[in-house]
Amino acid sequence: MKELKLNLEYCHGISKFDHNFDLNNDYLIYAPNGTMKTSFSKTIMDYKNGVESYDVYFP
């Protein structure tokens, strides 16, 4: 079983996000505006590009 564990704190406005994703399943992110979708994608792009994420609201 492949698993992705995320433990994010203070990344682009995300105060705390701790979740284990089972990569044998498919995931879809659907939520109303203002519920961290863009912040999550910016944080993942930072990780992909080797850049340390920062908090936009409380640097």
PDB file of N, CA and C in Angstrom:
ATOM      1  N   MET A   1       0.843  -1.180   0.000  1.00  0.00           N
ATOM      2  CA  MET A   1       0.000   0.000   0.000  1.00  0.00           C
ATOM      3  C   MET A   1       0.885   1.238   0.000  1.00  0.00           C
ATOM      4  N   LYS A   2       0.636   2.121  -0.930  1.00  0.00           N
ATOM      5  CA  LYS A   2       1.354   3.391  -0.980  1.00  0.00           C
ATOM      6  C   LYS A   2       0.557   4.433  -0.224  1.00  0.00           C
ATOM      7  N   GLU A   3       1.284   5.247   0.532  1.00  0.00           N
ATOM      8  CA  GLU A   3       0.629   6.240   1.379  1.00  0.00           C
ATOM      9  C   GLU A   3       1.416   7.548   1.312  1.00  0.00           C
ATOM     10  N   LEU A   4       0.707   8.648   1.320  1.00  0.00           N
ATOM     11  CA  LEU A   4       1.312   9.967   1.367  1.00  0.00           C
ATOM     12  C   LEU A   4       0.855  10.635   2.648  1.00  0.00           C
ATOM     13  N   LYS A   5       1.806  10.967   3.515  1.00  0.00           N
ATOM     14  CA  LYS A   5       1.477  11.612   4.782  1.00  0.00           C
ATOM     15  C   LYS A   5       1.831  13.095   4.684  1.00  0.00           C
ATOM     16  N   LEU A   6       0.856  13.954   4.930  1.00  0.00           N
ATOM     17  CA  LEU A   6       1.070  15.393   4.915  1.00  0.00           C
ATOM     18  C   LEU A   6       0.859  15.947   6.312  1.00  0.00           C
ATOM     19  N   ASN A   7       1.809  16.734   6.750  1.00  0.00           N
ATOM     20  CA  ASN A   7       1.705  17.439   8.025  1.00  0.00           C
ATOM     21  C   ASN A   7       2.163  18.868   7.753  1.00  0.00           C
ATOM     22  N   LEU A   8       1.228  19.736   7.419  1.00  0.00           N
ATOM     23  CA  LEU A   8       1.533  21.110   7.031  1.00  0.00           C
ATOM     24  C   LEU A   8       1.146  22.066   8.145  1.00  0.00           C
ATOM     25  N   GLU A   9       2.003  23.048   8.398  1.00  0.00           N
ATOM     26  CA  GLU A   9       1.687  24.117   9.337  1.00  0.00           C
ATOM     27  C   GLU A   9       2.199  25.428   8.771  1.00  0.00           C
ATOM     28  N   TYR A  10       1.333  26.428   8.781  1.00  0.00           N
ATOM     29  CA  TYR A  10       1.677  27.795   8.373  1.00  0.00           C
ATOM     30  C   TYR A  10       2.263  27.840   6.963  1.00  0.00           C
ATOM     31  N   CYS A  11       1.522  27.316   6.009  1.00  0.00           N
ATOM     32  CA  CYS A  11       1.933  27.319   4.604  1.00  0.00           C
ATOM     33  C   CYS A  11       0.883  28.047   3.776  1.00  0.00           C
ATOM     34  N   HIS A  12       1.204  29.219   3.279  1.00  0.00           N
ATOM     35  CA  HIS A  12       0.300  29.991   2.415  1.00  0.00           C
ATOM     36  C   HIS A  12      -1.091  30.149   3.027  1.00  0.00           C
ATOM     37  N   GLY A  13      -1.167  30.384   4.309  1.00  0.00           N
ATOM     38  CA  GLY A  13      -2.445  30.597   4.962  1.00  0.00           C
ATOM     39  C   GLY A  13      -3.055  29.351   5.583  1.00  0.00           C
ATOM     40  N   ILE A  14      -2.452  28.184   5.398  1.00  0.00           N
ATOM     41  CA  ILE A  14      -2.941  26.960   6.031  1.00  0.00           C
ATOM     42  C   ILE A  14      -2.342  26.901   7.433  1.00  0.00           C
ATOM     43  N   SER A  15      -3.172  26.999   8.455  1.00  0.00           N
ATOM     44  CA  SER A  15      -2.627  26.994   9.813  1.00  0.00           C
ATOM     45  C   SER A  15      -2.184  25.596  10.222  1.00  0.00           C
ATOM     46  N   LYS A  16      -2.967  24.559   9.906  1.00  0.00           N
ATOM     47  CA  LYS A  16      -2.574  23.182  10.211  1.00  0.00           C
ATOM     48  C   LYS A  16      -3.377  22.231   9.332  1.00  0.00           C
ATOM     49  N   PHE A  17      -2.686  21.273   8.748  1.00  0.00           N
ATOM     50  CA  PHE A  17      -3.314  20.231   7.932  1.00  0.00           C
ATOM     51  C   PHE A  17      -2.512  18.961   8.112  1.00  0.00           C
ATOM     52  N   ASP A  18      -3.120  17.940   8.690  1.00  0.00           N
ATOM     53  CA  ASP A  18      -2.448  16.675   8.963  1.00  0.00           C
ATOM     54  C   ASP A  18      -3.343  15.554   8.465  1.00  0.00           C
ATOM     55  N   HIS A  19      -2.886  14.841   7.417  1.00  0.00           N
ATOM     56  CA  HIS A  19      -3.726  13.794   6.832  1.00  0.00           C
ATOM     57  C   HIS A  19      -2.850  12.754   6.141  1.00  0.00           C
ATOM     58  N   ASN A  20      -3.285  11.510   6.170  1.00  0.00           N
ATOM     59  CA  ASN A  20      -2.643  10.422   5.433  1.00  0.00           C
ATOM     60  C   ASN A  20      -3.520  10.066   4.239  1.00  0.00           C
ATOM     61  N   PHE A  21      -2.942  10.122   3.036  1.00  0.00           N
ATOM     62  CA  PHE A  21      -3.668   9.776   1.823  1.00  0.00           C
ATOM     63  C   PHE A  21      -3.255   8.384   1.381  1.00  0.00           C
ATOM     64  N   ASP A  22      -4.225   7.515   1.154  1.00  0.00           N
ATOM     65  CA  ASP A  22      -3.992   6.198   0.590  1.00  0.00           C
ATOM     66  C   ASP A  22      -3.934   6.372  -0.926  1.00  0.00           C
ATOM     67  N   LEU A  23      -2.773   6.154  -1.524  1.00  0.00           N
ATOM     68  CA  LEU A  23      -2.605   6.428  -2.947  1.00  0.00           C
ATOM     69  C   LEU A  23      -3.202   5.345  -3.835  1.00  0.00           C
ATOM     70  N   ASN A  24      -3.836   4.344  -3.249  1.00  0.00           N
ATOM     71  CA  ASN A  24      -4.564   3.360  -4.041  1.00  0.00           C
ATOM     72  C   ASN A  24      -5.959   3.867  -4.393  1.00  0.00           C
ATOM     73  N   ASN A  25      -6.350   5.008  -3.831  1.00  0.00           N
ATOM     74  CA  ASN A  25      -7.651   5.622  -4.102  1.00  0.00           C
ATOM     75  C   ASN A  25      -7.458   6.886  -4.927  1.00  0.00           C
ATOM     76  N   ASP A  26      -8.522   7.343  -5.543  1.00  0.00           N
ATOM     77  CA  ASP A  26      -8.524   8.616  -6.259  1.00  0.00           C
ATOM     78  C   ASP A  26      -9.135   9.670  -5.345  1.00  0.00           C
ATOM     79  N   TYR A  27      -8.649  10.915  -5.490  1.00  0.00           N
ATOM     80  CA  TYR A  27      -9.158  12.008  -4.672  1.00  0.00           C
ATOM     81  C   TYR A  27      -9.547  13.172  -5.562  1.00  0.00           C
ATOM     82  N   LEU A  28     -10.582  13.858  -5.157  1.00  0.00           N
ATOM     83  CA  LEU A  28     -11.054  15.050  -5.830  1.00  0.00           C
ATOM     84  C   LEU A  28     -11.264  16.114  -4.770  1.00  0.00           C
ATOM     85  N   ILE A  29     -10.705  17.284  -5.010  1.00  0.00           N
ATOM     86  CA  ILE A  29     -10.887  18.378  -4.065  1.00  0.00           C
ATOM     87  C   ILE A  29     -11.961  19.308  -4.634  1.00  0.00           C
ATOM     88  N   TYR A  30     -13.077  19.374  -3.946  1.00  0.00           N
ATOM     89  CA  TYR A  30     -14.175  20.246  -4.333  1.00  0.00           C
ATOM     90  C   TYR A  30     -14.671  20.926  -3.066  1.00  0.00           C
ATOM     91  N   ALA A  31     -14.644  22.249  -3.078  1.00  0.00           N
ATOM     92  CA  ALA A  31     -15.071  22.998  -1.898  1.00  0.00           C
ATOM     93  C   ALA A  31     -15.412  24.421  -2.320  1.00  0.00           C
ATOM     94  N   PRO A  32     -16.149  25.140  -1.483  1.00  0.00           N
ATOM     95  CA  PRO A  32     -16.486  26.532  -1.801  1.00  0.00           C
ATOM     96  C   PRO A  32     -15.250  27.421  -1.825  1.00  0.00           C
ATOM     97  N   ASN A  33     -15.419  28.592  -2.383  1.00  0.00           N
ATOM     98  CA  ASN A  33     -14.319  29.552  -2.411  1.00  0.00           C
ATOM     99  C   ASN A  33     -13.880  29.894  -0.992  1.00  0.00           C
ATOM    100  N   GLY A  34     -12.574  30.098  -0.836  1.00  0.00           N
ATOM    101  CA  GLY A  34     -12.038  30.497   0.463  1.00  0.00           C
ATOM    102  C   GLY A  34     -11.791  29.358   1.423  1.00  0.00           C
ATOM    103  N   THR A  35     -11.677  28.130   0.918  1.00  0.00           N
ATOM    104  CA  THR A  35     -11.479  26.989   1.824  1.00  0.00           C
ATOM    105  C   THR A  35     -10.157  26.278   1.582  1.00  0.00           C
ATOM    106  N   MET A  36      -9.125  27.003   1.216  1.00  0.00           N
ATOM    107  CA  MET A  36      -7.724  26.578   1.151  1.00  0.00           C
ATOM    108  C   MET A  36      -7.303  25.787  -0.074  1.00  0.00           C
ATOM    109  N   LYS A  37      -8.109  25.674  -1.120  1.00  0.00           N
ATOM    110  CA  LYS A  37      -7.699  24.917  -2.304  1.00  0.00           C
ATOM    111  C   LYS A  37      -6.467  25.530  -2.952  1.00  0.00           C
ATOM    112  N   THR A  38      -6.447  26.828  -3.165  1.00  0.00           N
ATOM    113  CA  THR A  38      -5.302  27.487  -3.785  1.00  0.00           C
ATOM    114  C   THR A  38      -4.087  27.432  -2.879  1.00  0.00           C
ATOM    115  N   SER A  39      -4.273  27.622  -1.582  1.00  0.00           N
ATOM    116  CA  SER A  39      -3.153  27.535  -0.638  1.00  0.00           C
ATOM    117  C   SER A  39      -2.535  26.143  -0.661  1.00  0.00           C
ATOM    118  N   PHE A  40      -3.366  25.115  -0.742  1.00  0.00           N
ATOM    119  CA  PHE A  40      -2.877  23.742  -0.805  1.00  0.00           C
ATOM    120  C   PHE A  40      -2.063  23.511  -2.072  1.00  0.00           C
ATOM    121  N   SER A  41      -2.569  23.978  -3.216  1.00  0.00           N
ATOM    122  CA  SER A  41      -1.842  23.776  -4.470  1.00  0.00           C
ATOM    123  C   SER A  41      -0.534  24.563  -4.488  1.00  0.00           C
ATOM    124  N   LYS A  42      -0.510  25.769  -3.927  1.00  0.00           N
ATOM    125  CA  LYS A  42       0.736  26.547  -3.848  1.00  0.00           C
ATOM    126  C   LYS A  42       1.764  25.847  -2.963  1.00  0.00           C
ATOM    127  N   THR A  43       1.307  25.235  -1.866  1.00  0.00           N
ATOM    128  CA  THR A  43       2.205  24.521  -0.972  1.00  0.00           C
ATOM    129  C   THR A  43       2.803  23.298  -1.665  1.00  0.00           C
ATOM    130  N   ILE A  44       1.989  22.550  -2.408  1.00  0.00           N
ATOM    131  CA  ILE A  44       2.481  21.384  -3.139  1.00  0.00           C
ATOM    132  C   ILE A  44       3.468  21.816  -4.231  1.00  0.00           C
ATOM    133  N   MET A  45       3.197  22.928  -4.897  1.00  0.00           N
ATOM    134  CA  MET A  45       4.129  23.433  -5.919  1.00  0.00           C
ATOM    135  C   MET A  45       5.448  23.878  -5.287  1.00  0.00           C
ATOM    136  N   ASP A  46       5.400  24.477  -4.098  1.00  0.00           N
ATOM    137  CA  ASP A  46       6.628  24.837  -3.390  1.00  0.00           C
ATOM    138  C   ASP A  46       7.472  23.591  -3.133  1.00  0.00           C
ATOM    139  N   TYR A  47       6.817  22.529  -2.663  1.00  0.00           N
ATOM    140  CA  TYR A  47       7.523  21.281  -2.381  1.00  0.00           C
ATOM    141  C   TYR A  47       8.129  20.708  -3.659  1.00  0.00           C
ATOM    142  N   LYS A  48       7.363  20.731  -4.739  1.00  0.00           N
ATOM    143  CA  LYS A  48       7.833  20.220  -6.030  1.00  0.00           C
ATOM    144  C   LYS A  48       9.053  20.989  -6.518  1.00  0.00           C
ATOM    145  N   ASN A  49       9.060  22.306  -6.309  1.00  0.00           N
ATOM    146  CA  ASN A  49      10.149  23.159  -6.790  1.00  0.00           C
ATOM    147  C   ASN A  49      11.293  23.298  -5.790  1.00  0.00           C
ATOM    148  N   GLY A  50      11.183  22.645  -4.637  1.00  0.00           N
ATOM    149  CA  GLY A  50      12.253  22.697  -3.642  1.00  0.00           C
ATOM    150  C   GLY A  50      12.338  24.013  -2.891  1.00  0.00           C
ATOM    151  N   VAL A  51      11.219  24.728  -2.814  1.00  0.00           N
ATOM    152  CA  VAL A  51      11.159  26.017  -2.125  1.00  0.00           C
ATOM    153  C   VAL A  51      10.469  25.820  -0.786  1.00  0.00           C
ATOM    154  N   GLU A  52      10.988  26.441   0.260  1.00  0.00           N
ATOM    155  CA  GLU A  52      10.336  26.338   1.567  1.00  0.00           C
ATOM    156  C   GLU A  52       9.087  27.213   1.596  1.00  0.00           C
ATOM    157  N   SER A  53       7.973  26.617   1.994  1.00  0.00           N
ATOM    158  CA  SER A  53       6.711  27.359   2.065  1.00  0.00           C
ATOM    159  C   SER A  53       6.746  28.337   3.235  1.00  0.00           C
ATOM    160  N   TYR A  54       5.924  29.358   3.132  1.00  0.00           N
ATOM    161  CA  TYR A  54       5.844  30.372   4.175  1.00  0.00           C
ATOM    162  C   TYR A  54       4.383  30.744   4.365  1.00  0.00           C
ATOM    163  N   ASP A  55       4.089  31.381   5.452  1.00  0.00           N
ATOM    164  CA  ASP A  55       2.729  31.818   5.734  1.00  0.00           C
ATOM    165  C   ASP A  55       2.541  33.223   5.207  1.00  0.00           C
ATOM    166  N   VAL A  56       1.551  33.410   4.406  1.00  0.00           N
ATOM    167  CA  VAL A  56       1.274  34.712   3.793  1.00  0.00           C
ATOM    168  C   VAL A  56       0.763  35.704   4.835  1.00  0.00           C
ATOM    169  N   TYR A  57      -0.079  35.224   5.753  1.00  0.00           N
ATOM    170  CA  TYR A  57      -0.734  36.108   6.698  1.00  0.00           C
ATOM    171  C   TYR A  57       0.134  36.439   7.898  1.00  0.00           C
ATOM    172  N   PHE A  58       0.906  35.474   8.376  1.00  0.00           N
ATOM    173  CA  PHE A  58       1.784  35.684   9.539  1.00  0.00           C
ATOM    174  C   PHE A  58       3.187  35.193   9.196  1.00  0.00           C
ATOM    175  N   PRO A  59       3.943  35.991   8.426  1.00  0.00           N
ATOM    176  CA  PRO A  59       5.283  35.529   7.978  1.00  0.00           C
ATOM    177  C   PRO A  59       6.272  35.333   9.126  1.00  0.00           C
TER     178      PRO A  59
END
